[in-house]
N, C-alpha and C. Protein backbone atom coordinates (compact mmCIF):
# COMPACT_ATOMS: atom_id res chain seq x y z
N UNK A 1 4.02 9.69 11.30
CA UNK A 1 3.62 8.34 10.96
C UNK A 1 2.48 7.91 11.87
N UNK A 2 1.74 6.97 11.42
CA UNK A 2 0.61 6.45 12.17
C UNK A 2 1.00 5.14 12.84
N UNK A 3 0.43 4.90 13.99
CA UNK A 3 0.64 3.62 14.65
C UNK A 3 -0.20 2.57 13.95
N UNK A 4 0.33 1.38 13.84
CA UNK A 4 -0.40 0.29 13.20
C UNK A 4 -0.90 -0.66 14.28
N UNK A 5 -2.18 -0.91 14.28
CA UNK A 5 -2.79 -1.80 15.26
C UNK A 5 -3.43 -2.94 14.50
N UNK A 6 -3.03 -4.15 14.84
CA UNK A 6 -3.59 -5.33 14.18
C UNK A 6 -4.89 -5.72 14.87
N UNK A 7 -5.92 -5.92 14.08
CA UNK A 7 -7.21 -6.34 14.62
C UNK A 7 -7.50 -7.73 14.09
N UNK A 8 -7.90 -8.62 14.98
CA UNK A 8 -8.22 -9.98 14.59
C UNK A 8 -9.63 -10.30 15.04
N UNK A 9 -10.40 -10.87 14.13
CA UNK A 9 -11.75 -11.31 14.46
C UNK A 9 -11.68 -12.82 14.68
N UNK A 10 -12.11 -13.25 15.86
CA UNK A 10 -12.05 -14.67 16.20
C UNK A 10 -13.46 -15.15 16.50
N UNK A 11 -13.77 -16.33 16.03
CA UNK A 11 -15.09 -16.89 16.29
C UNK A 11 -14.99 -18.37 16.59
N UNK A 12 -16.03 -18.93 17.09
CA UNK A 12 -16.09 -20.36 17.39
C UNK A 12 -17.05 -21.01 16.40
N UNK A 13 -16.89 -22.31 16.23
CA UNK A 13 -17.76 -23.05 15.32
C UNK A 13 -19.21 -22.82 15.70
N UNK A 14 -20.00 -22.45 14.72
CA UNK A 14 -21.42 -22.23 14.96
C UNK A 14 -21.77 -20.79 15.26
N UNK A 15 -20.77 -19.96 15.59
CA UNK A 15 -21.04 -18.55 15.84
C UNK A 15 -21.31 -17.81 14.53
N UNK A 16 -22.08 -16.75 14.61
CA UNK A 16 -22.27 -15.88 13.47
C UNK A 16 -21.02 -15.04 13.30
N UNK A 17 -20.45 -14.98 12.09
CA UNK A 17 -19.24 -14.18 11.89
C UNK A 17 -19.48 -12.72 12.28
N UNK A 18 -18.48 -12.12 12.90
CA UNK A 18 -18.54 -10.72 13.31
C UNK A 18 -17.79 -9.91 12.27
N UNK A 19 -18.41 -8.84 11.78
CA UNK A 19 -17.76 -7.97 10.81
C UNK A 19 -16.97 -6.91 11.55
N UNK A 20 -15.70 -6.82 11.22
CA UNK A 20 -14.82 -5.80 11.81
C UNK A 20 -15.25 -4.44 11.27
N UNK A 21 -15.67 -3.49 12.12
CA UNK A 21 -16.14 -2.20 11.62
C UNK A 21 -15.02 -1.38 10.97
N UNK A 22 -13.76 -1.67 11.30
CA UNK A 22 -12.65 -0.95 10.70
C UNK A 22 -12.37 -1.46 9.29
N UNK A 23 -12.67 -2.73 9.04
CA UNK A 23 -12.39 -3.33 7.75
C UNK A 23 -13.48 -4.34 7.42
N UNK A 24 -14.67 -3.86 7.02
CA UNK A 24 -15.77 -4.78 6.74
C UNK A 24 -15.40 -5.77 5.63
N UNK A 25 -15.69 -7.03 5.85
CA UNK A 25 -15.40 -8.06 4.86
C UNK A 25 -16.17 -7.75 3.59
N UNK A 26 -15.51 -7.86 2.47
CA UNK A 26 -16.15 -7.66 1.19
C UNK A 26 -16.06 -6.25 0.66
N UNK A 27 -15.54 -5.31 1.43
CA UNK A 27 -15.40 -3.93 0.96
C UNK A 27 -14.07 -3.79 0.22
N UNK A 28 -14.14 -3.49 -1.06
CA UNK A 28 -12.92 -3.36 -1.86
C UNK A 28 -12.10 -2.18 -1.34
N UNK A 29 -10.82 -2.41 -1.10
CA UNK A 29 -9.99 -1.31 -0.59
C UNK A 29 -9.88 -0.17 -1.60
N UNK A 30 -9.95 1.02 -1.10
CA UNK A 30 -9.73 2.23 -1.89
C UNK A 30 -8.43 2.85 -1.40
N UNK A 31 -7.57 3.26 -2.32
CA UNK A 31 -6.34 3.92 -1.91
C UNK A 31 -6.13 5.18 -2.73
N UNK A 32 -5.44 6.13 -2.14
CA UNK A 32 -4.97 7.28 -2.89
C UNK A 32 -3.50 7.46 -2.55
N UNK A 33 -2.74 7.89 -3.54
CA UNK A 33 -1.31 8.09 -3.36
C UNK A 33 -0.98 9.51 -3.82
N UNK A 34 -0.15 10.18 -3.02
CA UNK A 34 0.17 11.57 -3.29
C UNK A 34 1.65 11.81 -3.03
N UNK A 35 2.30 12.50 -3.95
CA UNK A 35 3.71 12.87 -3.76
C UNK A 35 3.80 13.92 -2.67
N UNK A 36 4.73 13.72 -1.73
CA UNK A 36 4.91 14.66 -0.63
C UNK A 36 6.21 15.46 -0.78
N UNK A 37 7.30 14.77 -1.16
CA UNK A 37 8.60 15.43 -1.24
C UNK A 37 9.47 14.67 -2.24
N UNK A 38 10.37 15.39 -2.87
CA UNK A 38 11.26 14.80 -3.85
C UNK A 38 12.60 15.51 -3.75
N UNK A 39 13.67 14.74 -3.55
CA UNK A 39 15.02 15.29 -3.55
C UNK A 39 15.82 14.57 -4.64
N UNK A 40 17.10 14.88 -4.75
CA UNK A 40 17.94 14.26 -5.77
C UNK A 40 18.02 12.74 -5.59
N UNK A 41 17.90 12.26 -4.34
CA UNK A 41 18.09 10.83 -4.08
C UNK A 41 16.96 10.16 -3.31
N UNK A 42 15.86 10.89 -3.05
CA UNK A 42 14.77 10.27 -2.31
C UNK A 42 13.41 10.80 -2.78
N UNK A 43 12.40 10.01 -2.48
CA UNK A 43 11.02 10.32 -2.86
C UNK A 43 10.13 9.96 -1.69
N UNK A 44 9.28 10.88 -1.27
CA UNK A 44 8.35 10.64 -0.17
C UNK A 44 6.93 10.74 -0.71
N UNK A 45 6.13 9.72 -0.35
CA UNK A 45 4.73 9.74 -0.76
C UNK A 45 3.84 9.39 0.42
N UNK A 46 2.58 9.80 0.30
CA UNK A 46 1.57 9.50 1.32
C UNK A 46 0.56 8.56 0.70
N UNK A 47 0.22 7.53 1.45
CA UNK A 47 -0.81 6.59 1.03
C UNK A 47 -1.96 6.67 2.02
N UNK A 48 -3.17 6.73 1.54
CA UNK A 48 -4.33 6.70 2.43
C UNK A 48 -5.28 5.62 1.93
N UNK A 49 -6.00 5.01 2.87
CA UNK A 49 -6.88 3.90 2.54
C UNK A 49 -8.13 3.94 3.40
N UNK A 50 -9.15 3.24 2.94
CA UNK A 50 -10.42 3.18 3.68
C UNK A 50 -10.53 1.94 4.58
N UNK A 51 -9.56 1.03 4.50
CA UNK A 51 -9.57 -0.19 5.32
C UNK A 51 -8.16 -0.50 5.80
N UNK A 52 -8.03 -1.30 6.82
CA UNK A 52 -6.72 -1.74 7.30
C UNK A 52 -6.20 -2.84 6.39
N UNK A 53 -4.88 -2.87 6.22
CA UNK A 53 -4.30 -3.92 5.40
C UNK A 53 -2.84 -3.70 5.11
N UNK A 54 -2.40 -4.25 4.00
CA UNK A 54 -0.99 -4.26 3.64
C UNK A 54 -0.80 -3.57 2.28
N UNK A 55 0.13 -2.63 2.25
CA UNK A 55 0.50 -1.96 1.02
C UNK A 55 1.71 -2.64 0.42
N UNK A 56 1.64 -2.98 -0.84
CA UNK A 56 2.79 -3.48 -1.58
C UNK A 56 3.19 -2.41 -2.58
N UNK A 57 4.50 -2.11 -2.66
CA UNK A 57 4.91 -1.05 -3.58
C UNK A 57 6.32 -1.28 -4.10
N UNK A 58 6.61 -0.64 -5.23
CA UNK A 58 7.94 -0.69 -5.82
C UNK A 58 8.16 0.58 -6.62
N UNK A 59 9.40 1.03 -6.67
CA UNK A 59 9.81 2.16 -7.49
C UNK A 59 10.69 1.59 -8.59
N UNK A 60 10.30 1.85 -9.85
CA UNK A 60 10.98 1.26 -10.99
C UNK A 60 11.48 2.37 -11.92
N UNK A 61 12.76 2.31 -12.28
CA UNK A 61 13.34 3.29 -13.20
C UNK A 61 12.80 3.07 -14.61
N UNK A 62 12.73 4.17 -15.38
CA UNK A 62 12.26 4.10 -16.76
C UNK A 62 13.10 3.09 -17.54
N UNK A 63 12.43 2.31 -18.38
CA UNK A 63 13.11 1.32 -19.18
C UNK A 63 13.05 -0.08 -18.61
N UNK A 64 12.60 -0.20 -17.37
CA UNK A 64 12.46 -1.51 -16.73
C UNK A 64 10.99 -1.91 -16.73
N UNK A 65 10.73 -3.21 -16.69
CA UNK A 65 9.37 -3.72 -16.72
C UNK A 65 8.63 -3.41 -15.43
N UNK A 66 7.33 -3.25 -15.56
CA UNK A 66 6.47 -3.07 -14.39
C UNK A 66 6.45 -4.37 -13.59
N UNK A 67 6.44 -4.28 -12.27
CA UNK A 67 6.41 -5.49 -11.44
C UNK A 67 5.02 -6.13 -11.44
N UNK A 68 4.98 -7.43 -11.13
CA UNK A 68 3.70 -8.11 -10.96
C UNK A 68 3.13 -7.74 -9.59
N UNK A 69 1.88 -8.07 -9.37
CA UNK A 69 1.26 -7.79 -8.08
C UNK A 69 2.02 -8.48 -6.95
N UNK A 70 2.38 -9.74 -7.14
CA UNK A 70 3.14 -10.45 -6.10
C UNK A 70 4.49 -9.80 -5.86
N UNK A 71 5.14 -9.32 -6.94
CA UNK A 71 6.44 -8.65 -6.80
C UNK A 71 6.34 -7.40 -5.93
N UNK A 72 5.21 -6.70 -6.00
CA UNK A 72 5.04 -5.49 -5.19
C UNK A 72 5.10 -5.82 -3.71
N UNK A 73 4.46 -6.89 -3.30
CA UNK A 73 4.47 -7.26 -1.88
C UNK A 73 5.83 -7.82 -1.46
N UNK A 74 6.54 -8.44 -2.39
CA UNK A 74 7.88 -8.96 -2.09
C UNK A 74 8.88 -7.80 -1.99
N UNK A 75 8.76 -6.82 -2.89
CA UNK A 75 9.71 -5.69 -2.92
C UNK A 75 9.63 -4.87 -1.64
N UNK A 76 8.44 -4.42 -1.29
CA UNK A 76 8.23 -3.57 -0.11
C UNK A 76 6.82 -3.77 0.38
N UNK A 77 6.68 -3.98 1.66
CA UNK A 77 5.37 -4.23 2.25
C UNK A 77 5.25 -3.45 3.56
N UNK A 78 4.14 -2.73 3.71
CA UNK A 78 3.91 -1.91 4.91
C UNK A 78 2.47 -2.10 5.36
N UNK A 79 2.26 -2.27 6.65
CA UNK A 79 0.92 -2.33 7.21
C UNK A 79 0.39 -0.91 7.36
N UNK A 80 -0.82 -0.68 6.86
CA UNK A 80 -1.44 0.64 6.92
C UNK A 80 -2.89 0.47 7.35
N UNK A 81 -3.33 1.34 8.27
CA UNK A 81 -4.74 1.28 8.65
C UNK A 81 -5.50 2.56 8.34
N UNK A 82 -4.81 3.60 7.90
CA UNK A 82 -5.46 4.86 7.57
C UNK A 82 -4.57 5.64 6.61
N UNK A 83 -3.54 6.29 7.16
CA UNK A 83 -2.61 7.10 6.37
C UNK A 83 -1.19 6.77 6.79
N UNK A 84 -0.31 6.66 5.82
CA UNK A 84 1.10 6.39 6.11
C UNK A 84 1.95 7.21 5.14
N UNK A 85 3.05 7.76 5.65
CA UNK A 85 4.00 8.50 4.84
C UNK A 85 5.24 7.62 4.70
N UNK A 86 5.68 7.40 3.46
CA UNK A 86 6.77 6.48 3.16
C UNK A 86 7.83 7.21 2.34
N UNK A 87 9.10 7.02 2.70
CA UNK A 87 10.21 7.60 1.96
C UNK A 87 11.03 6.48 1.33
N UNK A 88 11.31 6.63 0.04
CA UNK A 88 12.15 5.70 -0.71
C UNK A 88 13.47 6.42 -0.96
N UNK A 89 14.57 5.80 -0.55
CA UNK A 89 15.88 6.43 -0.70
C UNK A 89 16.74 5.64 -1.67
N UNK A 90 17.89 6.21 -2.04
CA UNK A 90 18.83 5.54 -2.92
C UNK A 90 18.50 5.69 -4.40
N UNK A 91 17.75 6.72 -4.74
CA UNK A 91 17.39 6.96 -6.14
C UNK A 91 18.49 7.77 -6.83
N UNK A 92 18.48 7.76 -8.14
CA UNK A 92 19.45 8.51 -8.92
C UNK A 92 18.85 9.83 -9.39
N UNK A 93 19.66 10.88 -9.36
CA UNK A 93 19.24 12.21 -9.81
C UNK A 93 18.96 12.18 -11.32
N UNK A 94 18.03 12.98 -11.77
CA UNK A 94 17.69 13.13 -13.19
C UNK A 94 17.29 11.80 -13.84
N UNK A 95 16.56 10.98 -13.11
CA UNK A 95 16.09 9.69 -13.62
C UNK A 95 14.57 9.65 -13.48
N UNK A 96 13.90 9.18 -14.51
CA UNK A 96 12.45 9.04 -14.44
C UNK A 96 12.11 7.71 -13.77
N UNK A 97 11.19 7.77 -12.81
CA UNK A 97 10.75 6.59 -12.06
C UNK A 97 9.24 6.50 -12.10
N UNK A 98 8.75 5.30 -11.85
CA UNK A 98 7.32 5.08 -11.63
C UNK A 98 7.15 4.34 -10.32
N UNK A 99 6.28 4.88 -9.47
CA UNK A 99 5.89 4.22 -8.22
C UNK A 99 4.67 3.37 -8.54
N UNK A 100 4.72 2.08 -8.21
CA UNK A 100 3.60 1.16 -8.37
C UNK A 100 3.12 0.77 -6.97
N UNK A 101 1.82 0.87 -6.72
CA UNK A 101 1.27 0.49 -5.41
C UNK A 101 -0.01 -0.33 -5.59
N UNK A 102 -0.23 -1.22 -4.64
CA UNK A 102 -1.48 -1.97 -4.56
C UNK A 102 -1.71 -2.28 -3.08
N UNK A 103 -2.95 -2.43 -2.69
CA UNK A 103 -3.30 -2.62 -1.29
C UNK A 103 -4.14 -3.88 -1.13
N UNK A 104 -3.83 -4.66 -0.09
CA UNK A 104 -4.57 -5.89 0.21
C UNK A 104 -5.25 -5.72 1.57
N UNK A 105 -6.58 -5.86 1.60
CA UNK A 105 -7.35 -5.73 2.84
C UNK A 105 -6.99 -6.84 3.81
N UNK A 106 -6.83 -6.49 5.07
CA UNK A 106 -6.47 -7.46 6.11
C UNK A 106 -7.60 -8.46 6.36
N UNK A 107 -8.84 -7.99 6.31
CA UNK A 107 -9.97 -8.83 6.68
C UNK A 107 -10.24 -9.97 5.70
N UNK A 108 -10.07 -9.70 4.41
CA UNK A 108 -10.48 -10.71 3.44
C UNK A 108 -9.54 -10.88 2.25
N UNK A 109 -8.46 -10.12 2.21
CA UNK A 109 -7.48 -10.26 1.14
C UNK A 109 -7.86 -9.62 -0.18
N UNK A 110 -8.99 -8.89 -0.21
CA UNK A 110 -9.36 -8.21 -1.45
C UNK A 110 -8.31 -7.17 -1.81
N UNK A 111 -8.05 -7.02 -3.10
CA UNK A 111 -7.05 -6.07 -3.59
C UNK A 111 -7.70 -4.79 -4.10
N UNK A 112 -7.01 -3.69 -3.88
CA UNK A 112 -7.44 -2.42 -4.48
C UNK A 112 -7.08 -2.43 -5.95
N UNK A 113 -7.54 -1.44 -6.66
CA UNK A 113 -7.04 -1.23 -8.02
C UNK A 113 -5.60 -0.75 -7.87
N UNK A 114 -4.70 -1.22 -8.73
CA UNK A 114 -3.32 -0.74 -8.65
C UNK A 114 -3.24 0.73 -9.07
N UNK A 115 -2.27 1.44 -8.51
CA UNK A 115 -2.06 2.85 -8.84
C UNK A 115 -0.60 3.06 -9.20
N UNK A 116 -0.36 4.07 -10.02
CA UNK A 116 1.00 4.45 -10.38
C UNK A 116 1.17 5.95 -10.21
N UNK A 117 2.41 6.35 -10.00
CA UNK A 117 2.74 7.75 -9.89
C UNK A 117 4.12 7.94 -10.49
N UNK A 118 4.22 8.77 -11.53
CA UNK A 118 5.50 9.02 -12.19
C UNK A 118 6.17 10.24 -11.58
N UNK A 119 7.51 10.17 -11.47
CA UNK A 119 8.28 11.31 -10.97
C UNK A 119 9.70 11.24 -11.50
N UNK A 120 10.41 12.38 -11.49
CA UNK A 120 11.79 12.45 -11.95
C UNK A 120 12.62 13.06 -10.83
């Protein structure tokens, strides 16, 4: 796992805003999601991103509705600044699931494109 370090940009009235080089304001977050491991009751995936921020995700069994963007952050939220490996436990064997993920940049709140990953 990676250590998460929170970076805050602080300025005073009249100062020129400083752009955080780790998470430039206005840069749309890019994410990639990759399956790492799958057992009868757990699923491990790796998320990588180009900016620091918050990952919202949910695992939904086949036949259930896809969550909204807000639901993803309510269901599960993880701070990520580069790469993070996440394990979801308590799944049922021989069940089709979809992993839904979206990423919100820490600097400006911009959202990545949502991604999905199906697994059984």
